Amino acid sequence: MPNQNQLEALLRQAARQLDTDPEKLKNAAQSGQLDSLIGGMNAGDAAKFRQVLSNKDAANKLLSTPQAQKLLEILLGPQKGGK
């Protein structure tokens, strides 16, 4: 399961990709108000993004993939005591 630092790194990366502030993205995700932030995405990507952000199990599954772990390692550097 990803730790808080990993989640924050992904939030920052997603915010950069969406050209928004990480805190604004976090608030939008928590309140379900994502439409204004994902307006530039194609419909399929936007739907997938909404689904993952609204489902904690789906987010954890995504973050546990080797690709996500590699991205986290690149963003955060190697983590002590494990992965």
N, C-alpha and C. Protein backbone atom coordinates (compact mmCIF):
# COMPACT_ATOMS: atom_id res chain seq x y z
N MET A 1 0.85 -1.19 0.00
CA MET A 1 0.00 0.00 0.00
C MET A 1 0.89 1.24 0.00
N PRO A 2 0.57 2.24 -0.80
CA PRO A 2 1.40 3.44 -0.87
C PRO A 2 1.34 4.23 0.43
N ASN A 3 2.47 4.88 0.71
CA ASN A 3 2.49 5.72 1.92
C ASN A 3 2.08 7.15 1.56
N GLN A 4 1.99 7.98 2.57
CA GLN A 4 1.52 9.36 2.37
C GLN A 4 2.43 10.14 1.42
N ASN A 5 3.75 9.94 1.54
CA ASN A 5 4.67 10.65 0.64
C ASN A 5 4.45 10.25 -0.81
N GLN A 6 4.19 8.98 -1.04
CA GLN A 6 3.94 8.51 -2.40
C GLN A 6 2.65 9.11 -2.95
N LEU A 7 1.63 9.14 -2.13
CA LEU A 7 0.37 9.73 -2.57
C LEU A 7 0.52 11.21 -2.88
N GLU A 8 1.27 11.91 -2.04
CA GLU A 8 1.49 13.34 -2.28
C GLU A 8 2.28 13.57 -3.56
N ALA A 9 3.27 12.72 -3.83
CA ALA A 9 4.06 12.84 -5.06
C ALA A 9 3.18 12.63 -6.28
N LEU A 10 2.32 11.63 -6.22
CA LEU A 10 1.41 11.40 -7.34
C LEU A 10 0.42 12.54 -7.51
N LEU A 11 -0.03 13.08 -6.40
CA LEU A 11 -0.93 14.23 -6.46
C LEU A 11 -0.24 15.41 -7.14
N ARG A 12 1.01 15.67 -6.76
CA ARG A 12 1.76 16.77 -7.40
C ARG A 12 1.95 16.52 -8.88
N GLN A 13 2.29 15.28 -9.25
CA GLN A 13 2.49 14.94 -10.65
C GLN A 13 1.18 15.09 -11.44
N ALA A 14 0.10 14.60 -10.89
CA ALA A 14 -1.20 14.74 -11.56
C ALA A 14 -1.58 16.21 -11.71
N ALA A 15 -1.31 16.99 -10.68
CA ALA A 15 -1.63 18.42 -10.75
C ALA A 15 -0.82 19.09 -11.86
N ARG A 16 0.45 18.72 -11.98
CA ARG A 16 1.27 19.29 -13.07
C ARG A 16 0.68 18.91 -14.43
N GLN A 17 0.29 17.64 -14.57
CA GLN A 17 -0.28 17.18 -15.83
C GLN A 17 -1.59 17.90 -16.17
N LEU A 18 -2.34 18.23 -15.14
CA LEU A 18 -3.63 18.91 -15.34
C LEU A 18 -3.50 20.42 -15.28
N ASP A 19 -2.28 20.90 -15.09
CA ASP A 19 -2.00 22.33 -15.02
C ASP A 19 -2.83 23.00 -13.93
N THR A 20 -2.75 22.45 -12.72
CA THR A 20 -3.49 23.01 -11.59
C THR A 20 -2.65 22.87 -10.33
N ASP A 21 -3.16 23.40 -9.25
CA ASP A 21 -2.50 23.34 -7.96
C ASP A 21 -2.81 22.01 -7.27
N PRO A 22 -1.82 21.35 -6.65
CA PRO A 22 -2.08 20.07 -5.98
C PRO A 22 -3.19 20.14 -4.93
N GLU A 23 -3.23 21.21 -4.17
CA GLU A 23 -4.27 21.33 -3.14
C GLU A 23 -5.65 21.47 -3.77
N LYS A 24 -5.71 22.21 -4.87
CA LYS A 24 -6.98 22.36 -5.58
C LYS A 24 -7.44 21.01 -6.14
N LEU A 25 -6.51 20.24 -6.68
CA LEU A 25 -6.83 18.91 -7.20
C LEU A 25 -7.30 18.00 -6.08
N LYS A 26 -6.61 18.03 -4.95
CA LYS A 26 -6.99 17.20 -3.81
C LYS A 26 -8.40 17.55 -3.33
N ASN A 27 -8.66 18.84 -3.18
CA ASN A 27 -9.99 19.29 -2.73
C ASN A 27 -11.06 18.89 -3.73
N ALA A 28 -10.75 19.02 -5.01
CA ALA A 28 -11.72 18.65 -6.04
C ALA A 28 -12.00 17.16 -6.01
N ALA A 29 -10.96 16.36 -5.81
CA ALA A 29 -11.14 14.91 -5.74
C ALA A 29 -11.97 14.52 -4.52
N GLN A 30 -11.68 15.13 -3.40
CA GLN A 30 -12.40 14.80 -2.17
C GLN A 30 -13.85 15.23 -2.21
N SER A 31 -14.13 16.30 -2.93
CA SER A 31 -15.51 16.80 -2.99
C SER A 31 -16.27 16.27 -4.21
N GLY A 32 -15.56 15.57 -5.10
CA GLY A 32 -16.21 15.05 -6.30
C GLY A 32 -16.37 16.09 -7.40
N GLN A 33 -15.73 17.23 -7.27
CA GLN A 33 -15.84 18.33 -8.24
C GLN A 33 -14.68 18.30 -9.24
N LEU A 34 -14.52 17.22 -9.97
CA LEU A 34 -13.38 17.06 -10.87
C LEU A 34 -13.61 17.59 -12.28
N ASP A 35 -14.84 17.86 -12.63
CA ASP A 35 -15.14 18.23 -14.01
C ASP A 35 -14.33 19.42 -14.51
N SER A 36 -14.16 20.43 -13.68
CA SER A 36 -13.42 21.61 -14.13
C SER A 36 -11.94 21.31 -14.31
N LEU A 37 -11.42 20.33 -13.57
CA LEU A 37 -10.00 20.01 -13.65
C LEU A 37 -9.66 19.07 -14.79
N ILE A 38 -10.62 18.26 -15.20
CA ILE A 38 -10.32 17.28 -16.22
C ILE A 38 -10.96 17.62 -17.57
N GLY A 39 -11.35 18.84 -17.71
CA GLY A 39 -12.00 19.28 -18.94
C GLY A 39 -11.15 19.11 -20.18
N GLY A 40 -9.82 19.13 -20.03
CA GLY A 40 -8.93 18.99 -21.18
C GLY A 40 -8.66 17.56 -21.59
N MET A 41 -9.10 16.61 -20.80
CA MET A 41 -8.87 15.19 -21.11
C MET A 41 -9.93 14.70 -22.10
N ASN A 42 -9.59 13.63 -22.84
CA ASN A 42 -10.63 13.02 -23.66
C ASN A 42 -11.59 12.29 -22.74
N ALA A 43 -12.77 11.99 -23.23
CA ALA A 43 -13.84 11.46 -22.39
C ALA A 43 -13.45 10.15 -21.71
N GLY A 44 -12.77 9.26 -22.42
CA GLY A 44 -12.38 7.98 -21.85
C GLY A 44 -11.39 8.13 -20.70
N ASP A 45 -10.37 8.98 -20.90
CA ASP A 45 -9.38 9.21 -19.85
C ASP A 45 -10.01 9.89 -18.65
N ALA A 46 -10.90 10.82 -18.90
CA ALA A 46 -11.56 11.53 -17.81
C ALA A 46 -12.39 10.56 -16.97
N ALA A 47 -13.10 9.65 -17.62
CA ALA A 47 -13.91 8.67 -16.90
C ALA A 47 -13.04 7.75 -16.05
N LYS A 48 -11.93 7.28 -16.61
CA LYS A 48 -11.02 6.43 -15.86
C LYS A 48 -10.43 7.18 -14.67
N PHE A 49 -10.07 8.42 -14.89
CA PHE A 49 -9.49 9.25 -13.82
C PHE A 49 -10.49 9.41 -12.68
N ARG A 50 -11.73 9.71 -13.02
CA ARG A 50 -12.78 9.85 -12.00
C ARG A 50 -12.98 8.56 -11.23
N GLN A 51 -12.99 7.45 -11.95
CA GLN A 51 -13.22 6.15 -11.31
C GLN A 51 -12.12 5.82 -10.32
N VAL A 52 -10.87 6.02 -10.70
CA VAL A 52 -9.75 5.71 -9.82
C VAL A 52 -9.74 6.62 -8.60
N LEU A 53 -9.97 7.90 -8.81
CA LEU A 53 -9.94 8.83 -7.68
C LEU A 53 -11.10 8.61 -6.71
N SER A 54 -12.19 8.10 -7.19
CA SER A 54 -13.34 7.92 -6.31
C SER A 54 -13.36 6.55 -5.62
N ASN A 55 -12.41 5.68 -5.95
CA ASN A 55 -12.40 4.34 -5.39
C ASN A 55 -11.05 4.07 -4.75
N LYS A 56 -11.01 4.04 -3.42
CA LYS A 56 -9.74 3.86 -2.71
C LYS A 56 -9.07 2.55 -3.09
N ASP A 57 -9.83 1.48 -3.23
CA ASP A 57 -9.23 0.20 -3.61
C ASP A 57 -8.61 0.26 -5.00
N ALA A 58 -9.28 0.93 -5.93
CA ALA A 58 -8.74 1.07 -7.28
C ALA A 58 -7.47 1.91 -7.27
N ALA A 59 -7.46 2.97 -6.48
CA ALA A 59 -6.26 3.81 -6.38
C ALA A 59 -5.10 3.02 -5.79
N ASN A 60 -5.36 2.25 -4.74
CA ASN A 60 -4.31 1.44 -4.14
C ASN A 60 -3.80 0.38 -5.10
N LYS A 61 -4.70 -0.22 -5.86
CA LYS A 61 -4.31 -1.22 -6.85
C LYS A 61 -3.41 -0.58 -7.92
N LEU A 62 -3.82 0.58 -8.39
CA LEU A 62 -3.02 1.29 -9.39
C LEU A 62 -1.64 1.65 -8.84
N LEU A 63 -1.61 2.15 -7.62
CA LEU A 63 -0.35 2.58 -7.03
C LEU A 63 0.58 1.42 -6.70
N SER A 64 0.05 0.22 -6.61
CA SER A 64 0.89 -0.93 -6.29
C SER A 64 1.47 -1.61 -7.53
N THR A 65 1.13 -1.13 -8.72
CA THR A 65 1.68 -1.72 -9.94
C THR A 65 3.17 -1.39 -10.06
N PRO A 66 3.93 -2.25 -10.74
CA PRO A 66 5.36 -1.97 -10.92
C PRO A 66 5.61 -0.62 -11.59
N GLN A 67 4.76 -0.25 -12.54
CA GLN A 67 4.95 1.02 -13.23
C GLN A 67 4.77 2.19 -12.28
N ALA A 68 3.74 2.14 -11.44
CA ALA A 68 3.51 3.22 -10.48
C ALA A 68 4.64 3.26 -9.46
N GLN A 69 5.09 2.10 -9.01
CA GLN A 69 6.19 2.06 -8.04
C GLN A 69 7.46 2.66 -8.64
N LYS A 70 7.72 2.39 -9.91
CA LYS A 70 8.89 2.96 -10.59
C LYS A 70 8.75 4.47 -10.69
N LEU A 71 7.56 4.93 -11.04
CA LEU A 71 7.32 6.37 -11.12
C LEU A 71 7.54 7.02 -9.76
N LEU A 72 7.03 6.39 -8.72
CA LEU A 72 7.22 6.92 -7.37
C LEU A 72 8.69 6.97 -6.99
N GLU A 73 9.43 5.93 -7.39
CA GLU A 73 10.87 5.92 -7.10
C GLU A 73 11.57 7.06 -7.82
N ILE A 74 11.16 7.31 -9.05
CA ILE A 74 11.75 8.42 -9.81
C ILE A 74 11.40 9.76 -9.16
N LEU A 75 10.16 9.90 -8.76
CA LEU A 75 9.71 11.17 -8.16
C LEU A 75 10.28 11.39 -6.77
N LEU A 76 10.35 10.33 -5.98
CA LEU A 76 10.74 10.46 -4.57
C LEU A 76 12.17 10.02 -4.28
N GLY A 77 12.78 9.30 -5.19
CA GLY A 77 14.06 8.69 -4.91
C GLY A 77 13.84 7.38 -4.16
N PRO A 78 14.88 6.56 -4.06
CA PRO A 78 14.74 5.28 -3.36
C PRO A 78 14.33 5.50 -1.90
N GLN A 79 13.39 4.67 -1.44
CA GLN A 79 12.90 4.76 -0.07
C GLN A 79 13.69 3.82 0.82
N LYS A 80 14.04 4.28 1.99
CA LYS A 80 14.76 3.44 2.96
C LYS A 80 13.85 2.36 3.49
N GLY A 81 14.44 1.23 3.79
CA GLY A 81 13.69 0.17 4.46
C GLY A 81 12.75 -0.57 3.56
N GLY A 82 13.01 -0.64 2.27
CA GLY A 82 12.12 -1.42 1.43
C GLY A 82 12.16 -1.00 0.00
N LYS A 83 11.00 -0.81 -0.56
CA LYS A 83 10.78 -0.60 -1.99
C LYS A 83 11.54 0.54 -2.57
